[in-house]
Amino acid sequence: MDSDNKELFGYLIDNKVLVDIKNHRLISLSSEKAIDEKKIVGLRATMMRLLIYVLSAEPERIISNDEIMFYVWDSYKLSSSNQRLWQVMQSLEKKLIQFGIDEEFIVRVKPSGYYIKHQIVTPLYYFTSSM
């Protein structure tokens, strides 16, 4: 297989949660029930872009609020603000915690930005045909 023909499918977080990029959802892979007993949770487009952006950053790199707002909101012609970033990040963190992900997975570095614990994140790829 030609590695140039691989595309990102999603991410595996702590061997517990599959991030399905195409379908904008989180899927619990744990045999234990999630706190609210949901195994699949859909994410809105902005929240999914935010999650993908922080998961794709270099390990342990602090991503500035301005950088996140530009790539998640502004480049999609959406209005960004620190308040909006904080609200969406809080909501995202709650969803991940419901699926058993440690509440310290996404770390806020006041006032500059966020970083995540990459040691528990695995990118998942699929191969496309070269025809």
N, C-alpha and C. Protein backbone atom coordinates (compact mmCIF):
# COMPACT_ATOMS: atom_id res chain seq x y z
N MET A 1 0.84 -1.19 0.00
CA MET A 1 0.00 0.00 0.00
C MET A 1 0.87 1.24 0.00
N ASP A 2 0.43 2.23 -0.71
CA ASP A 2 1.13 3.49 -0.80
C ASP A 2 0.68 4.38 0.35
N SER A 3 1.61 4.75 1.23
CA SER A 3 1.24 5.55 2.40
C SER A 3 0.79 6.96 2.03
N ASP A 4 1.06 7.39 0.78
CA ASP A 4 0.59 8.70 0.35
C ASP A 4 -0.92 8.73 0.18
N ASN A 5 -1.54 7.56 0.10
CA ASN A 5 -2.98 7.49 -0.12
C ASN A 5 -3.74 7.21 1.17
N LYS A 6 -3.22 7.69 2.26
CA LYS A 6 -3.95 7.50 3.51
C LYS A 6 -4.60 8.80 3.93
N GLU A 7 -5.77 8.66 4.53
CA GLU A 7 -6.51 9.81 5.01
C GLU A 7 -6.88 9.59 6.46
N LEU A 8 -6.97 10.69 7.18
CA LEU A 8 -7.31 10.61 8.59
C LEU A 8 -8.78 10.23 8.75
N PHE A 9 -9.03 9.15 9.47
CA PHE A 9 -10.39 8.72 9.78
C PHE A 9 -10.88 9.37 11.06
N GLY A 10 -10.00 9.38 12.06
CA GLY A 10 -10.37 9.92 13.36
C GLY A 10 -9.27 9.70 14.36
N TYR A 11 -9.65 9.66 15.61
CA TYR A 11 -8.69 9.49 16.70
C TYR A 11 -9.25 8.50 17.71
N LEU A 12 -8.35 7.82 18.38
CA LEU A 12 -8.69 6.98 19.51
C LEU A 12 -8.13 7.66 20.75
N ILE A 13 -9.00 7.93 21.71
CA ILE A 13 -8.59 8.61 22.94
C ILE A 13 -8.63 7.62 24.08
N ASP A 14 -7.47 7.36 24.66
CA ASP A 14 -7.33 6.52 25.85
C ASP A 14 -7.95 5.13 25.67
N ASN A 15 -7.95 4.63 24.45
CA ASN A 15 -8.55 3.33 24.13
C ASN A 15 -9.99 3.22 24.59
N LYS A 16 -10.64 4.36 24.78
CA LYS A 16 -12.02 4.38 25.27
C LYS A 16 -12.99 5.04 24.31
N VAL A 17 -12.51 6.04 23.59
CA VAL A 17 -13.41 6.85 22.76
C VAL A 17 -12.85 6.97 21.35
N LEU A 18 -13.71 6.67 20.39
CA LEU A 18 -13.37 6.84 18.98
C LEU A 18 -13.96 8.17 18.51
N VAL A 19 -13.13 9.01 17.93
CA VAL A 19 -13.58 10.26 17.34
C VAL A 19 -13.78 10.00 15.85
N ASP A 20 -15.02 9.94 15.42
CA ASP A 20 -15.40 9.68 14.03
C ASP A 20 -15.57 11.03 13.34
N ILE A 21 -14.55 11.44 12.60
CA ILE A 21 -14.55 12.78 11.99
C ILE A 21 -15.65 12.94 10.96
N LYS A 22 -15.77 12.00 10.06
CA LYS A 22 -16.73 12.12 8.96
C LYS A 22 -18.16 12.27 9.45
N ASN A 23 -18.51 11.52 10.48
CA ASN A 23 -19.88 11.54 10.97
C ASN A 23 -20.08 12.43 12.19
N HIS A 24 -19.05 13.20 12.54
CA HIS A 24 -19.13 14.18 13.64
C HIS A 24 -19.66 13.56 14.92
N ARG A 25 -19.00 12.50 15.39
CA ARG A 25 -19.51 11.87 16.60
C ARG A 25 -18.40 11.24 17.43
N LEU A 26 -18.72 11.05 18.69
CA LEU A 26 -17.87 10.32 19.62
C LEU A 26 -18.54 8.98 19.87
N ILE A 27 -17.74 7.91 19.86
CA ILE A 27 -18.27 6.58 20.08
C ILE A 27 -17.52 5.95 21.25
N SER A 28 -18.26 5.52 22.26
CA SER A 28 -17.65 4.87 23.41
C SER A 28 -17.29 3.44 23.03
N LEU A 29 -16.04 3.06 23.29
CA LEU A 29 -15.59 1.70 23.03
C LEU A 29 -15.48 0.89 24.32
N SER A 30 -15.80 1.52 25.41
CA SER A 30 -15.69 0.89 26.72
C SER A 30 -16.84 -0.10 26.93
N SER A 31 -16.54 -1.21 27.58
CA SER A 31 -17.61 -2.15 27.91
C SER A 31 -18.43 -1.64 29.09
N GLU A 32 -17.84 -0.70 29.83
CA GLU A 32 -18.58 -0.07 30.91
C GLU A 32 -19.55 0.95 30.33
N LYS A 33 -20.67 1.13 30.97
CA LYS A 33 -21.63 2.12 30.49
C LYS A 33 -21.10 3.51 30.74
N ALA A 34 -21.32 4.38 29.78
CA ALA A 34 -20.98 5.79 29.98
C ALA A 34 -21.88 6.34 31.07
N ILE A 35 -21.48 7.43 31.68
CA ILE A 35 -22.22 8.00 32.80
C ILE A 35 -23.70 8.20 32.46
N ASP A 36 -23.98 8.72 31.27
CA ASP A 36 -25.39 8.93 30.91
C ASP A 36 -25.92 7.79 30.04
N GLU A 37 -25.17 6.69 29.96
CA GLU A 37 -25.53 5.47 29.25
C GLU A 37 -25.60 5.63 27.74
N LYS A 38 -25.12 6.72 27.20
CA LYS A 38 -25.06 6.88 25.74
C LYS A 38 -23.75 6.30 25.24
N LYS A 39 -23.80 5.58 24.14
CA LYS A 39 -22.59 5.02 23.55
C LYS A 39 -22.10 5.86 22.37
N ILE A 40 -22.99 6.67 21.79
CA ILE A 40 -22.64 7.52 20.65
C ILE A 40 -23.23 8.91 20.90
N VAL A 41 -22.40 9.94 20.72
CA VAL A 41 -22.85 11.31 20.88
C VAL A 41 -22.40 12.11 19.66
N GLY A 42 -23.34 12.80 19.03
CA GLY A 42 -23.02 13.65 17.90
C GLY A 42 -22.45 14.98 18.36
N LEU A 43 -21.58 15.55 17.54
CA LEU A 43 -21.00 16.86 17.83
C LEU A 43 -21.37 17.82 16.71
N ARG A 44 -21.63 19.05 17.07
CA ARG A 44 -21.86 20.08 16.06
C ARG A 44 -20.55 20.35 15.32
N ALA A 45 -20.66 20.94 14.16
CA ALA A 45 -19.49 21.15 13.30
C ALA A 45 -18.38 21.93 13.99
N THR A 46 -18.74 23.01 14.69
CA THR A 46 -17.72 23.83 15.35
C THR A 46 -17.02 23.05 16.45
N MET A 47 -17.77 22.29 17.23
CA MET A 47 -17.16 21.51 18.30
C MET A 47 -16.25 20.43 17.73
N MET A 48 -16.66 19.81 16.62
CA MET A 48 -15.81 18.80 16.00
C MET A 48 -14.54 19.44 15.46
N ARG A 49 -14.64 20.62 14.83
CA ARG A 49 -13.43 21.30 14.34
C ARG A 49 -12.49 21.61 15.50
N LEU A 50 -13.05 22.05 16.62
CA LEU A 50 -12.25 22.36 17.80
C LEU A 50 -11.53 21.11 18.29
N LEU A 51 -12.23 20.01 18.41
CA LEU A 51 -11.62 18.78 18.88
C LEU A 51 -10.53 18.30 17.92
N ILE A 52 -10.81 18.31 16.64
CA ILE A 52 -9.81 17.88 15.66
C ILE A 52 -8.59 18.79 15.72
N TYR A 53 -8.80 20.07 15.86
CA TYR A 53 -7.68 21.00 15.88
C TYR A 53 -6.76 20.75 17.06
N VAL A 54 -7.33 20.57 18.25
CA VAL A 54 -6.47 20.34 19.41
C VAL A 54 -5.84 18.95 19.37
N LEU A 55 -6.55 17.97 18.83
CA LEU A 55 -5.97 16.62 18.75
C LEU A 55 -4.83 16.55 17.73
N SER A 56 -4.89 17.39 16.70
CA SER A 56 -3.88 17.35 15.65
C SER A 56 -2.65 18.20 15.95
N ALA A 57 -2.69 18.96 17.02
CA ALA A 57 -1.55 19.82 17.38
C ALA A 57 -0.38 18.97 17.83
N GLU A 58 0.80 19.56 17.78
CA GLU A 58 1.99 18.86 18.27
C GLU A 58 1.82 18.51 19.73
N PRO A 59 2.30 17.35 20.13
CA PRO A 59 2.15 16.91 21.53
C PRO A 59 2.65 17.95 22.53
N GLU A 60 1.83 18.17 23.55
CA GLU A 60 2.15 19.04 24.68
C GLU A 60 2.37 20.51 24.31
N ARG A 61 2.06 20.89 23.06
CA ARG A 61 2.21 22.29 22.66
C ARG A 61 1.00 23.07 23.11
N ILE A 62 1.25 24.22 23.72
CA ILE A 62 0.14 25.09 24.11
C ILE A 62 -0.36 25.78 22.84
N ILE A 63 -1.64 25.61 22.58
CA ILE A 63 -2.26 26.23 21.41
C ILE A 63 -2.94 27.50 21.92
N SER A 64 -2.57 28.62 21.35
CA SER A 64 -3.10 29.89 21.84
C SER A 64 -4.59 30.01 21.53
N ASN A 65 -5.27 30.78 22.37
CA ASN A 65 -6.68 31.06 22.13
C ASN A 65 -6.89 31.69 20.76
N ASP A 66 -6.03 32.63 20.40
CA ASP A 66 -6.15 33.31 19.10
C ASP A 66 -6.01 32.33 17.94
N GLU A 67 -5.06 31.42 18.05
CA GLU A 67 -4.87 30.42 16.99
C GLU A 67 -6.10 29.53 16.86
N ILE A 68 -6.61 29.06 17.97
CA ILE A 68 -7.80 28.21 17.94
C ILE A 68 -8.97 28.96 17.34
N MET A 69 -9.18 30.20 17.79
CA MET A 69 -10.32 30.97 17.28
C MET A 69 -10.20 31.21 15.78
N PHE A 70 -8.98 31.45 15.30
CA PHE A 70 -8.81 31.68 13.87
C PHE A 70 -9.16 30.43 13.07
N TYR A 71 -8.57 29.30 13.44
CA TYR A 71 -8.75 28.07 12.65
C TYR A 71 -10.10 27.39 12.85
N VAL A 72 -10.76 27.61 13.97
CA VAL A 72 -12.04 26.94 14.23
C VAL A 72 -13.22 27.84 13.88
N TRP A 73 -13.09 29.15 14.06
CA TRP A 73 -14.20 30.06 13.78
C TRP A 73 -13.92 30.99 12.61
N ASP A 74 -12.91 31.85 12.75
CA ASP A 74 -12.68 32.92 11.78
C ASP A 74 -12.48 32.42 10.36
N SER A 75 -11.72 31.34 10.17
CA SER A 75 -11.47 30.85 8.81
C SER A 75 -12.73 30.25 8.18
N TYR A 76 -13.77 30.04 8.97
CA TYR A 76 -15.06 29.57 8.46
C TYR A 76 -16.08 30.71 8.42
N LYS A 77 -15.57 31.94 8.54
CA LYS A 77 -16.39 33.14 8.49
C LYS A 77 -17.44 33.16 9.61
N LEU A 78 -17.02 32.65 10.77
CA LEU A 78 -17.86 32.67 11.96
C LEU A 78 -17.24 33.63 12.96
N SER A 79 -18.06 34.20 13.79
CA SER A 79 -17.60 35.15 14.79
C SER A 79 -16.99 34.40 15.98
N SER A 80 -15.78 34.79 16.35
CA SER A 80 -15.10 34.14 17.47
C SER A 80 -14.98 35.10 18.64
N SER A 81 -14.83 34.51 19.83
CA SER A 81 -14.56 35.29 21.02
C SER A 81 -13.99 34.34 22.07
N ASN A 82 -13.28 34.91 23.03
CA ASN A 82 -12.74 34.08 24.11
C ASN A 82 -13.88 33.39 24.87
N GLN A 83 -14.98 34.10 25.06
CA GLN A 83 -16.13 33.54 25.76
C GLN A 83 -16.70 32.35 24.99
N ARG A 84 -16.85 32.49 23.68
CA ARG A 84 -17.39 31.39 22.85
C ARG A 84 -16.44 30.20 22.89
N LEU A 85 -15.14 30.44 22.78
CA LEU A 85 -14.15 29.36 22.86
C LEU A 85 -14.29 28.63 24.19
N TRP A 86 -14.35 29.38 25.28
CA TRP A 86 -14.45 28.78 26.60
C TRP A 86 -15.71 27.93 26.73
N GLN A 87 -16.84 28.46 26.24
CA GLN A 87 -18.11 27.73 26.34
C GLN A 87 -18.08 26.42 25.56
N VAL A 88 -17.59 26.47 24.33
CA VAL A 88 -17.55 25.25 23.51
C VAL A 88 -16.55 24.26 24.09
N MET A 89 -15.42 24.74 24.58
CA MET A 89 -14.44 23.85 25.20
C MET A 89 -15.02 23.19 26.44
N GLN A 90 -15.75 23.95 27.27
CA GLN A 90 -16.37 23.38 28.47
C GLN A 90 -17.37 22.28 28.09
N SER A 91 -18.16 22.53 27.09
CA SER A 91 -19.15 21.55 26.64
C SER A 91 -18.46 20.29 26.10
N LEU A 92 -17.40 20.49 25.33
CA LEU A 92 -16.64 19.36 24.79
C LEU A 92 -16.03 18.54 25.92
N GLU A 93 -15.44 19.21 26.89
CA GLU A 93 -14.83 18.50 28.02
C GLU A 93 -15.87 17.67 28.77
N LYS A 94 -17.07 18.20 28.95
CA LYS A 94 -18.13 17.46 29.64
C LYS A 94 -18.51 16.20 28.87
N LYS A 95 -18.57 16.30 27.56
CA LYS A 95 -18.89 15.13 26.74
C LYS A 95 -17.81 14.06 26.88
N LEU A 96 -16.55 14.48 26.86
CA LEU A 96 -15.45 13.52 26.99
C LEU A 96 -15.44 12.87 28.38
N ILE A 97 -15.72 13.65 29.40
CA ILE A 97 -15.77 13.11 30.76
C ILE A 97 -16.90 12.08 30.88
N GLN A 98 -18.02 12.33 30.22
CA GLN A 98 -19.14 11.37 30.25
C GLN A 98 -18.72 10.03 29.67
N PHE A 99 -17.74 10.03 28.79
CA PHE A 99 -17.26 8.80 28.16
C PHE A 99 -16.05 8.22 28.89
N GLY A 100 -15.74 8.76 30.05
CA GLY A 100 -14.68 8.20 30.87
C GLY A 100 -13.30 8.77 30.65
N ILE A 101 -13.20 9.86 29.90
CA ILE A 101 -11.91 10.51 29.67
C ILE A 101 -11.61 11.42 30.86
N ASP A 102 -10.38 11.38 31.34
CA ASP A 102 -9.96 12.16 32.50
C ASP A 102 -10.24 13.64 32.28
N GLU A 103 -10.73 14.29 33.33
CA GLU A 103 -11.06 15.72 33.21
C GLU A 103 -9.84 16.58 32.96
N GLU A 104 -8.65 16.07 33.17
CA GLU A 104 -7.41 16.80 32.89
C GLU A 104 -6.83 16.46 31.51
N PHE A 105 -7.63 15.85 30.65
CA PHE A 105 -7.18 15.52 29.29
C PHE A 105 -6.90 16.80 28.50
N ILE A 106 -7.82 17.74 28.56
CA ILE A 106 -7.63 19.05 27.94
C ILE A 106 -7.29 20.01 29.07
N VAL A 107 -6.12 20.63 29.00
CA VAL A 107 -5.65 21.49 30.07
C VAL A 107 -5.70 22.94 29.61
N ARG A 108 -6.36 23.76 30.41
CA ARG A 108 -6.41 25.20 30.12
C ARG A 108 -5.20 25.87 30.76
N VAL A 109 -4.49 26.65 29.97
CA VAL A 109 -3.34 27.40 30.46
C VAL A 109 -3.75 28.86 30.43
N LYS A 110 -4.15 29.38 31.59
CA LYS A 110 -4.64 30.76 31.65
C LYS A 110 -3.49 31.72 31.48
N PRO A 111 -3.65 32.79 30.78
CA PRO A 111 -4.76 33.13 29.90
C PRO A 111 -4.48 32.77 28.45
N SER A 112 -3.40 32.00 28.21
CA SER A 112 -2.89 31.88 26.84
C SER A 112 -3.54 30.85 25.95
N GLY A 113 -3.99 29.71 26.47
CA GLY A 113 -4.55 28.72 25.57
C GLY A 113 -4.79 27.37 26.22
N TYR A 114 -4.61 26.31 25.43
CA TYR A 114 -4.90 24.95 25.86
C TYR A 114 -3.84 24.00 25.33
N TYR A 115 -3.71 22.86 26.00
CA TYR A 115 -2.97 21.74 25.44
C TYR A 115 -3.66 20.46 25.88
N ILE A 116 -3.35 19.36 25.19
CA ILE A 116 -3.94 18.08 25.57
C ILE A 116 -2.85 17.08 25.87
N LYS A 117 -3.23 16.04 26.58
CA LYS A 117 -2.32 14.95 26.91
C LYS A 117 -2.28 13.98 25.73
N HIS A 118 -1.31 14.17 24.86
CA HIS A 118 -1.23 13.37 23.64
C HIS A 118 -0.83 11.93 23.86
N GLN A 119 -0.28 11.60 25.02
CA GLN A 119 0.16 10.23 25.21
C GLN A 119 -1.02 9.25 25.16
N ILE A 120 -2.24 9.74 25.25
CA ILE A 120 -3.38 8.84 25.19
C ILE A 120 -4.19 9.01 23.90
N VAL A 121 -3.61 9.67 22.89
CA VAL A 121 -4.29 9.92 21.62
C VAL A 121 -3.58 9.18 20.50
N THR A 122 -4.36 8.43 19.72
CA THR A 122 -3.82 7.71 18.57
C THR A 122 -4.59 8.14 17.32
N PRO A 123 -3.91 8.71 16.31
CA PRO A 123 -4.60 9.02 15.07
C PRO A 123 -4.89 7.72 14.31
N LEU A 124 -6.04 7.66 13.66
CA LEU A 124 -6.44 6.48 12.90
C LEU A 124 -6.61 6.87 11.44
N TYR A 125 -6.03 6.06 10.56
CA TYR A 125 -6.05 6.36 9.12
C TYR A 125 -6.73 5.23 8.37
N TYR A 126 -7.18 5.56 7.18
CA TYR A 126 -7.62 4.53 6.24
C TYR A 126 -6.92 4.81 4.92
N PHE A 127 -6.81 3.78 4.12
CA PHE A 127 -6.13 3.91 2.84
C PHE A 127 -7.15 4.07 1.72
N THR A 128 -6.87 4.99 0.83
CA THR A 128 -7.73 5.20 -0.33
C THR A 128 -7.11 4.53 -1.53
N SER A 129 -7.93 4.21 -2.50
CA SER A 129 -7.40 3.56 -3.70
C SER A 129 -6.60 4.57 -4.51
N SER A 130 -5.60 4.10 -5.19
CA SER A 130 -4.73 4.98 -5.97
C SER A 130 -5.15 5.09 -7.42
N MET A 131 -6.38 4.68 -7.70
CA MET A 131 -6.85 4.71 -9.09
C MET A 131 -7.39 6.03 -9.49
